[in-house]
Amino acid sequence: MIESISNTVTLRFLAEPSDVNFGGKVHGGAVMKWIDQAGYACAANWSGQYCVTVYVGGIRFFKPISIGDMVEITATVIYTGNSSMHIAINVQAGNPRRQDRVKTTHCVMVFAAVDDNGKTVPVPKWVPELPHAIEMENYAKKLMALRQNIEDEMKPYM
């Protein structure tokens, strides 16, 4: 039996009082840590390798997360290069006594698979098949072009 590798990882847990900021909501830094953990789990699962974070971009906080909320972080491979993986991260949260969740945060991360010496290694190619997956791959490609434009603009100041 051949099992296919899943391109999605979902983490679920309750937001704890230790995650609180001065405003009484979950601290943005805690959310960013969760995002990195989910992204890493997804990239390592897809590649079967140790992975390093190469880029985190456009973190958008839509709504705050309350202490006691059920937090659901979904990390999905949306594009692969030779050794890199673009991972879309969506964070949702809500009252654990109800099933409805509200999108609170979104970003895209890029991870690279590396060997024991820190050299990049090839990753399995992800090929989108469904319309939404194709749309997400195109989204990743647009973001790559935007990042390149930003890097080009920054070169004189680096």
N, C-alpha and C. Protein backbone atom coordinates (compact mmCIF):
# COMPACT_ATOMS: atom_id res chain seq x y z
N MET A 1 0.84 -1.18 0.00
CA MET A 1 0.00 0.00 0.00
C MET A 1 0.88 1.25 0.00
N ILE A 2 0.63 2.15 -0.91
CA ILE A 2 1.38 3.40 -0.99
C ILE A 2 0.53 4.50 -0.38
N GLU A 3 1.11 5.18 0.59
CA GLU A 3 0.41 6.30 1.21
C GLU A 3 0.92 7.59 0.59
N SER A 4 0.02 8.49 0.31
CA SER A 4 0.46 9.79 -0.18
C SER A 4 0.79 10.68 1.00
N ILE A 5 1.73 11.57 0.79
CA ILE A 5 2.12 12.52 1.83
C ILE A 5 1.09 13.64 1.83
N SER A 6 0.61 13.98 3.00
CA SER A 6 -0.36 15.07 3.10
C SER A 6 0.36 16.40 2.98
N ASN A 7 -0.24 17.34 2.27
CA ASN A 7 0.35 18.67 2.15
C ASN A 7 -0.20 19.64 3.19
N THR A 8 -0.98 19.10 4.17
CA THR A 8 -1.58 19.96 5.19
C THR A 8 -1.37 19.38 6.58
N VAL A 9 -1.08 20.27 7.52
CA VAL A 9 -0.97 19.92 8.94
C VAL A 9 -1.86 20.89 9.70
N THR A 10 -2.62 20.38 10.66
CA THR A 10 -3.46 21.23 11.49
C THR A 10 -3.13 21.00 12.96
N LEU A 11 -2.87 22.07 13.68
CA LEU A 11 -2.64 22.02 15.12
C LEU A 11 -3.85 22.64 15.81
N ARG A 12 -4.29 22.01 16.91
CA ARG A 12 -5.42 22.55 17.68
C ARG A 12 -5.08 22.52 19.16
N PHE A 13 -5.41 23.60 19.84
CA PHE A 13 -5.15 23.69 21.27
C PHE A 13 -5.91 24.89 21.83
N LEU A 14 -5.98 24.98 23.14
CA LEU A 14 -6.63 26.11 23.80
C LEU A 14 -5.61 27.20 24.08
N ALA A 15 -5.99 28.46 23.85
CA ALA A 15 -5.14 29.59 24.20
C ALA A 15 -5.10 29.68 25.72
N GLU A 16 -3.90 29.76 26.27
CA GLU A 16 -3.72 29.70 27.72
C GLU A 16 -3.46 31.08 28.32
N PRO A 17 -3.70 31.23 29.63
CA PRO A 17 -3.43 32.51 30.29
C PRO A 17 -1.98 32.98 30.14
N SER A 18 -1.04 32.07 29.99
CA SER A 18 0.37 32.47 29.82
C SER A 18 0.62 33.14 28.46
N ASP A 19 -0.36 33.06 27.55
CA ASP A 19 -0.24 33.67 26.23
C ASP A 19 -0.76 35.11 26.17
N VAL A 20 -1.22 35.65 27.29
CA VAL A 20 -1.90 36.94 27.31
C VAL A 20 -0.93 38.12 27.15
N ASN A 21 -1.42 39.19 26.50
CA ASN A 21 -0.65 40.43 26.41
C ASN A 21 -1.24 41.45 27.38
N PHE A 22 -0.74 42.68 27.33
CA PHE A 22 -1.22 43.71 28.26
C PHE A 22 -2.66 44.11 27.99
N GLY A 23 -3.16 43.82 26.80
CA GLY A 23 -4.54 44.16 26.47
C GLY A 23 -5.52 43.05 26.80
N GLY A 24 -5.03 41.94 27.38
CA GLY A 24 -5.91 40.86 27.78
C GLY A 24 -6.22 39.85 26.68
N LYS A 25 -5.57 39.98 25.55
CA LYS A 25 -5.75 39.03 24.44
C LYS A 25 -4.45 38.25 24.25
N VAL A 26 -4.45 37.28 23.33
CA VAL A 26 -3.24 36.51 23.07
C VAL A 26 -2.20 37.42 22.42
N HIS A 27 -0.99 37.34 22.91
CA HIS A 27 0.13 38.14 22.42
C HIS A 27 0.47 37.75 20.98
N GLY A 28 0.70 38.75 20.12
CA GLY A 28 1.06 38.50 18.72
C GLY A 28 2.30 37.63 18.59
N GLY A 29 3.23 37.77 19.51
CA GLY A 29 4.44 36.93 19.49
C GLY A 29 4.12 35.47 19.71
N ALA A 30 3.13 35.19 20.55
CA ALA A 30 2.72 33.80 20.77
C ALA A 30 2.12 33.23 19.49
N VAL A 31 1.31 34.04 18.81
CA VAL A 31 0.70 33.60 17.55
C VAL A 31 1.78 33.33 16.51
N MET A 32 2.80 34.20 16.45
CA MET A 32 3.88 33.99 15.48
C MET A 32 4.67 32.72 15.80
N LYS A 33 4.84 32.41 17.07
CA LYS A 33 5.52 31.16 17.45
C LYS A 33 4.69 29.96 16.99
N TRP A 34 3.38 30.01 17.20
CA TRP A 34 2.51 28.90 16.76
C TRP A 34 2.56 28.74 15.25
N ILE A 35 2.57 29.88 14.54
CA ILE A 35 2.65 29.85 13.08
C ILE A 35 3.93 29.14 12.64
N ASP A 36 5.05 29.50 13.26
CA ASP A 36 6.33 28.88 12.90
C ASP A 36 6.31 27.39 13.19
N GLN A 37 5.74 26.98 14.31
CA GLN A 37 5.66 25.56 14.65
C GLN A 37 4.81 24.79 13.65
N ALA A 38 3.67 25.33 13.29
CA ALA A 38 2.79 24.65 12.33
C ALA A 38 3.45 24.60 10.96
N GLY A 39 4.07 25.70 10.55
CA GLY A 39 4.76 25.73 9.27
C GLY A 39 5.89 24.72 9.21
N TYR A 40 6.67 24.64 10.29
CA TYR A 40 7.76 23.66 10.34
C TYR A 40 7.22 22.24 10.26
N ALA A 41 6.17 21.95 11.02
CA ALA A 41 5.59 20.60 11.01
C ALA A 41 5.13 20.22 9.60
N CYS A 42 4.52 21.16 8.91
CA CYS A 42 4.05 20.91 7.55
C CYS A 42 5.22 20.68 6.60
N ALA A 43 6.24 21.54 6.66
CA ALA A 43 7.40 21.43 5.77
C ALA A 43 8.18 20.14 6.02
N ALA A 44 8.41 19.81 7.29
CA ALA A 44 9.15 18.59 7.63
C ALA A 44 8.36 17.36 7.22
N ASN A 45 7.05 17.39 7.41
CA ASN A 45 6.21 16.27 7.01
C ASN A 45 6.25 16.08 5.50
N TRP A 46 6.17 17.18 4.75
CA TRP A 46 6.16 17.09 3.29
C TRP A 46 7.51 16.59 2.76
N SER A 47 8.58 17.17 3.28
CA SER A 47 9.91 16.88 2.74
C SER A 47 10.57 15.65 3.33
N GLY A 48 10.18 15.29 4.54
CA GLY A 48 10.86 14.19 5.24
C GLY A 48 12.24 14.60 5.70
N GLN A 49 12.49 15.89 5.80
CA GLN A 49 13.80 16.43 6.16
C GLN A 49 13.67 17.46 7.27
N TYR A 50 14.82 17.77 7.88
CA TYR A 50 14.88 18.92 8.77
C TYR A 50 14.71 20.15 7.89
N CYS A 51 13.99 21.15 8.36
CA CYS A 51 13.73 22.35 7.56
C CYS A 51 14.07 23.60 8.35
N VAL A 52 14.44 24.63 7.62
CA VAL A 52 14.72 25.93 8.23
C VAL A 52 13.79 26.98 7.63
N THR A 53 13.43 27.94 8.44
CA THR A 53 12.60 29.04 7.97
C THR A 53 13.46 29.99 7.14
N VAL A 54 13.02 30.27 5.93
CA VAL A 54 13.74 31.17 5.04
C VAL A 54 13.06 32.53 5.00
N TYR A 55 11.75 32.53 5.06
CA TYR A 55 10.99 33.77 4.91
C TYR A 55 9.64 33.64 5.58
N VAL A 56 9.23 34.72 6.24
CA VAL A 56 7.86 34.84 6.75
C VAL A 56 7.38 36.19 6.27
N GLY A 57 6.28 36.20 5.54
CA GLY A 57 5.87 37.48 4.98
C GLY A 57 4.40 37.76 5.13
N GLY A 58 4.13 39.04 5.24
CA GLY A 58 2.77 39.52 5.22
C GLY A 58 1.88 38.96 6.31
N ILE A 59 2.43 38.82 7.52
CA ILE A 59 1.57 38.34 8.60
C ILE A 59 0.47 39.37 8.81
N ARG A 60 -0.73 38.91 8.69
CA ARG A 60 -1.90 39.80 8.81
C ARG A 60 -2.75 39.31 9.97
N PHE A 61 -2.88 40.18 10.99
CA PHE A 61 -3.72 39.87 12.14
C PHE A 61 -5.08 40.51 11.89
N PHE A 62 -6.10 39.68 11.68
CA PHE A 62 -7.44 40.17 11.40
C PHE A 62 -8.23 40.45 12.67
N LYS A 63 -8.17 39.52 13.61
CA LYS A 63 -8.95 39.62 14.84
C LYS A 63 -8.13 39.07 16.00
N PRO A 64 -8.38 39.57 17.20
CA PRO A 64 -7.64 39.04 18.35
C PRO A 64 -8.15 37.65 18.76
N ILE A 65 -7.29 36.95 19.46
CA ILE A 65 -7.63 35.64 20.03
C ILE A 65 -7.76 35.82 21.53
N SER A 66 -8.83 35.30 22.08
CA SER A 66 -9.08 35.42 23.53
C SER A 66 -8.51 34.22 24.27
N ILE A 67 -8.14 34.46 25.50
CA ILE A 67 -7.70 33.36 26.35
C ILE A 67 -8.86 32.39 26.49
N GLY A 68 -8.59 31.11 26.37
CA GLY A 68 -9.63 30.08 26.45
C GLY A 68 -10.20 29.70 25.10
N ASP A 69 -9.89 30.46 24.04
CA ASP A 69 -10.37 30.10 22.70
C ASP A 69 -9.71 28.81 22.22
N MET A 70 -10.45 28.05 21.43
CA MET A 70 -9.87 26.93 20.70
C MET A 70 -9.17 27.53 19.49
N VAL A 71 -7.88 27.28 19.38
CA VAL A 71 -7.07 27.80 18.28
C VAL A 71 -6.80 26.67 17.31
N GLU A 72 -6.99 26.96 16.03
CA GLU A 72 -6.73 25.97 14.97
C GLU A 72 -5.81 26.62 13.95
N ILE A 73 -4.63 26.04 13.79
CA ILE A 73 -3.65 26.56 12.83
C ILE A 73 -3.48 25.54 11.73
N THR A 74 -3.78 25.95 10.51
CA THR A 74 -3.67 25.06 9.36
C THR A 74 -2.52 25.55 8.48
N ALA A 75 -1.58 24.65 8.24
CA ALA A 75 -0.43 24.95 7.39
C ALA A 75 -0.51 24.04 6.17
N THR A 76 -0.43 24.65 4.98
CA THR A 76 -0.62 23.91 3.74
C THR A 76 0.48 24.24 2.73
N VAL A 77 1.10 23.22 2.16
CA VAL A 77 2.06 23.43 1.08
C VAL A 77 1.28 23.96 -0.11
N ILE A 78 1.74 25.12 -0.65
CA ILE A 78 1.04 25.68 -1.81
C ILE A 78 1.96 25.81 -3.02
N TYR A 79 3.26 25.60 -2.81
CA TYR A 79 4.21 25.65 -3.93
C TYR A 79 5.52 25.02 -3.48
N THR A 80 6.17 24.28 -4.37
CA THR A 80 7.49 23.75 -4.07
C THR A 80 8.46 24.15 -5.16
N GLY A 81 9.67 24.47 -4.72
CA GLY A 81 10.78 24.69 -5.63
C GLY A 81 11.66 23.45 -5.59
N ASN A 82 12.95 23.62 -5.84
CA ASN A 82 13.86 22.47 -5.76
C ASN A 82 14.04 21.99 -4.33
N SER A 83 14.31 22.93 -3.43
CA SER A 83 14.51 22.58 -2.03
C SER A 83 13.62 23.38 -1.09
N SER A 84 12.79 24.24 -1.67
CA SER A 84 11.96 25.12 -0.85
C SER A 84 10.49 24.74 -0.93
N MET A 85 9.77 25.14 0.10
CA MET A 85 8.34 24.90 0.19
C MET A 85 7.67 26.18 0.66
N HIS A 86 6.67 26.63 -0.06
CA HIS A 86 5.85 27.76 0.36
C HIS A 86 4.67 27.19 1.12
N ILE A 87 4.48 27.68 2.32
CA ILE A 87 3.43 27.16 3.21
C ILE A 87 2.48 28.30 3.54
N ALA A 88 1.20 28.13 3.22
CA ALA A 88 0.17 29.10 3.63
C ALA A 88 -0.30 28.72 5.02
N ILE A 89 -0.36 29.71 5.88
CA ILE A 89 -0.77 29.48 7.27
C ILE A 89 -2.03 30.29 7.53
N ASN A 90 -3.05 29.61 8.04
CA ASN A 90 -4.28 30.27 8.47
C ASN A 90 -4.53 29.92 9.92
N VAL A 91 -4.80 30.94 10.71
CA VAL A 91 -5.13 30.75 12.12
C VAL A 91 -6.59 31.11 12.31
N GLN A 92 -7.32 30.21 12.96
CA GLN A 92 -8.71 30.45 13.30
C GLN A 92 -8.88 30.21 14.79
N ALA A 93 -9.83 30.87 15.39
CA ALA A 93 -10.08 30.70 16.81
C ALA A 93 -11.54 30.95 17.12
N GLY A 94 -11.97 30.40 18.25
CA GLY A 94 -13.34 30.61 18.69
C GLY A 94 -13.61 29.89 19.99
N ASN A 95 -14.79 30.13 20.50
CA ASN A 95 -15.22 29.50 21.75
C ASN A 95 -15.24 27.98 21.57
N PRO A 96 -14.58 27.24 22.46
CA PRO A 96 -14.53 25.78 22.30
C PRO A 96 -15.88 25.08 22.47
N ARG A 97 -16.87 25.77 23.03
CA ARG A 97 -18.20 25.16 23.20
C ARG A 97 -19.03 25.25 21.94
N ARG A 98 -18.50 25.97 20.94
CA ARG A 98 -19.19 26.07 19.65
C ARG A 98 -18.24 25.62 18.56
N GLN A 99 -18.77 25.24 17.44
CA GLN A 99 -17.95 24.74 16.34
C GLN A 99 -17.42 25.83 15.42
N ASP A 100 -18.06 27.02 15.47
CA ASP A 100 -17.65 28.07 14.55
C ASP A 100 -16.31 28.68 14.97
N ARG A 101 -15.46 28.93 13.97
CA ARG A 101 -14.16 29.54 14.18
C ARG A 101 -14.07 30.77 13.27
N VAL A 102 -13.34 31.77 13.71
CA VAL A 102 -13.15 33.00 12.96
C VAL A 102 -11.68 33.08 12.55
N LYS A 103 -11.42 33.45 11.29
CA LYS A 103 -10.05 33.60 10.84
C LYS A 103 -9.43 34.80 11.55
N THR A 104 -8.30 34.57 12.21
CA THR A 104 -7.66 35.63 12.98
C THR A 104 -6.35 36.10 12.36
N THR A 105 -5.66 35.21 11.65
CA THR A 105 -4.33 35.55 11.15
C THR A 105 -4.05 34.76 9.87
N HIS A 106 -3.26 35.36 8.97
CA HIS A 106 -2.83 34.68 7.75
C HIS A 106 -1.42 35.12 7.39
N CYS A 107 -0.64 34.20 6.84
CA CYS A 107 0.65 34.56 6.26
C CYS A 107 1.13 33.42 5.37
N VAL A 108 2.23 33.68 4.67
CA VAL A 108 2.89 32.65 3.88
C VAL A 108 4.33 32.58 4.35
N MET A 109 4.81 31.36 4.55
CA MET A 109 6.19 31.12 4.97
C MET A 109 6.90 30.32 3.89
N VAL A 110 8.21 30.48 3.86
CA VAL A 110 9.03 29.66 2.97
C VAL A 110 10.03 28.91 3.84
N PHE A 111 10.07 27.61 3.65
CA PHE A 111 11.03 26.75 4.35
C PHE A 111 11.94 26.10 3.33
N ALA A 112 13.16 25.79 3.75
CA ALA A 112 14.08 25.01 2.92
C ALA A 112 14.41 23.74 3.66
N ALA A 113 14.46 22.63 2.92
CA ALA A 113 14.88 21.36 3.49
C ALA A 113 16.40 21.30 3.45
N VAL A 114 17.00 20.88 4.56
CA VAL A 114 18.46 20.83 4.64
C VAL A 114 18.93 19.49 5.21
N ASP A 115 20.19 19.15 4.86
CA ASP A 115 20.78 17.92 5.39
C ASP A 115 21.49 18.22 6.72
N ASP A 116 22.21 17.25 7.25
CA ASP A 116 22.89 17.41 8.53
C ASP A 116 23.98 18.48 8.51
N ASN A 117 24.45 18.84 7.33
CA ASN A 117 25.48 19.87 7.20
C ASN A 117 24.91 21.24 6.84
N GLY A 118 23.58 21.33 6.80
CA GLY A 118 22.94 22.60 6.50
C GLY A 118 22.83 22.90 5.02
N LYS A 119 23.17 21.95 4.17
CA LYS A 119 23.04 22.15 2.71
C LYS A 119 21.63 21.79 2.29
N THR A 120 21.09 22.58 1.37
CA THR A 120 19.73 22.31 0.91
C THR A 120 19.67 20.99 0.16
N VAL A 121 18.54 20.32 0.29
CA VAL A 121 18.30 19.05 -0.37
C VAL A 121 16.96 19.12 -1.11
N PRO A 122 16.80 18.34 -2.17
CA PRO A 122 15.55 18.37 -2.93
C PRO A 122 14.34 17.95 -2.10
N VAL A 123 13.19 18.52 -2.45
CA VAL A 123 11.93 18.15 -1.81
C VAL A 123 11.00 17.55 -2.86
N PRO A 124 10.04 16.73 -2.44
CA PRO A 124 9.06 16.20 -3.40
C PRO A 124 8.28 17.35 -4.04
N LYS A 125 8.02 17.23 -5.32
CA LYS A 125 7.26 18.25 -6.04
C LYS A 125 5.79 18.17 -5.63
N TRP A 126 5.21 19.31 -5.36
CA TRP A 126 3.78 19.38 -5.09
C TRP A 126 3.09 19.85 -6.37
N VAL A 127 2.11 19.09 -6.81
CA VAL A 127 1.40 19.41 -8.04
C VAL A 127 -0.07 19.63 -7.69
N PRO A 128 -0.54 20.88 -7.83
CA PRO A 128 -1.95 21.16 -7.51
C PRO A 128 -2.87 20.54 -8.54
N GLU A 129 -4.01 20.04 -8.07
CA GLU A 129 -4.98 19.43 -8.99
C GLU A 129 -6.33 20.12 -8.95
N LEU A 130 -6.76 20.52 -7.77
CA LEU A 130 -8.06 21.17 -7.64
C LEU A 130 -7.95 22.67 -7.92
N PRO A 131 -9.04 23.30 -8.38
CA PRO A 131 -9.00 24.73 -8.71
C PRO A 131 -8.46 25.61 -7.57
N HIS A 132 -8.89 25.34 -6.34
CA HIS A 132 -8.41 26.15 -5.21
C HIS A 132 -6.91 25.97 -5.02
N ALA A 133 -6.41 24.77 -5.18
CA ALA A 133 -4.98 24.50 -5.03
C ALA A 133 -4.18 25.20 -6.13
N ILE A 134 -4.69 25.21 -7.33
CA ILE A 134 -4.03 25.91 -8.45
C ILE A 134 -4.00 27.42 -8.15
N GLU A 135 -5.10 27.93 -7.62
CA GLU A 135 -5.18 29.35 -7.26
C GLU A 135 -4.14 29.69 -6.18
N MET A 136 -3.97 28.79 -5.20
CA MET A 136 -3.00 29.02 -4.14
C MET A 136 -1.57 28.97 -4.68
N GLU A 137 -1.30 28.07 -5.62
CA GLU A 137 0.03 28.02 -6.21
C GLU A 137 0.32 29.33 -6.96
N ASN A 138 -0.66 29.85 -7.69
CA ASN A 138 -0.50 31.12 -8.39
C ASN A 138 -0.27 32.27 -7.41
N TYR A 139 -0.95 32.21 -6.27
CA TYR A 139 -0.76 33.19 -5.19
C TYR A 139 0.68 33.15 -4.71
N ALA A 140 1.23 31.96 -4.50
CA ALA A 140 2.63 31.82 -4.07
C ALA A 140 3.58 32.40 -5.11
N LYS A 141 3.31 32.16 -6.38
CA LYS A 141 4.17 32.68 -7.44
C LYS A 141 4.12 34.21 -7.49
N LYS A 142 2.94 34.78 -7.28
CA LYS A 142 2.83 36.25 -7.25
C LYS A 142 3.63 36.82 -6.08
N LEU A 143 3.54 36.16 -4.93
CA LEU A 143 4.29 36.63 -3.76
C LEU A 143 5.79 36.54 -4.00
N MET A 144 6.25 35.49 -4.71
CA MET A 144 7.68 35.37 -5.03
C MET A 144 8.12 36.56 -5.88
N ALA A 145 7.33 36.94 -6.86
CA ALA A 145 7.67 38.07 -7.72
C ALA A 145 7.70 39.37 -6.91
N LEU A 146 6.74 39.54 -6.02
CA LEU A 146 6.72 40.74 -5.18
C LEU A 146 7.95 40.80 -4.28
N ARG A 147 8.34 39.66 -3.68
CA ARG A 147 9.53 39.62 -2.83
C ARG A 147 10.77 40.00 -3.63
N GLN A 148 10.86 39.52 -4.86
CA GLN A 148 12.02 39.84 -5.70
C GLN A 148 12.06 41.34 -5.99
N ASN A 149 10.90 41.93 -6.27
CA ASN A 149 10.85 43.38 -6.50
C ASN A 149 11.31 44.15 -5.26
N ILE A 150 10.88 43.72 -4.10
CA ILE A 150 11.28 44.38 -2.85
C ILE A 150 12.79 44.25 -2.66
N GLU A 151 13.33 43.05 -2.87
CA GLU A 151 14.78 42.85 -2.74
C GLU A 151 15.55 43.74 -3.70
N ASP A 152 15.09 43.84 -4.93
CA ASP A 152 15.75 44.69 -5.92
C ASP A 152 15.75 46.15 -5.46
N GLU A 153 14.64 46.61 -4.89
CA GLU A 153 14.54 47.99 -4.42
C GLU A 153 15.45 48.23 -3.22
N MET A 154 15.67 47.21 -2.39
CA MET A 154 16.45 47.36 -1.16
C MET A 154 17.96 47.25 -1.38
N LYS A 155 18.38 46.66 -2.49
CA LYS A 155 19.81 46.40 -2.72
C LYS A 155 20.69 47.63 -2.49
N PRO A 156 20.33 48.82 -2.97
CA PRO A 156 21.22 49.96 -2.74
C PRO A 156 21.38 50.33 -1.25
N TYR A 157 20.47 49.88 -0.42
CA TYR A 157 20.49 50.27 0.99
C TYR A 157 21.01 49.17 1.92
N MET A 158 21.40 48.06 1.33
CA MET A 158 21.87 46.94 2.15
C MET A 158 23.37 47.00 2.34
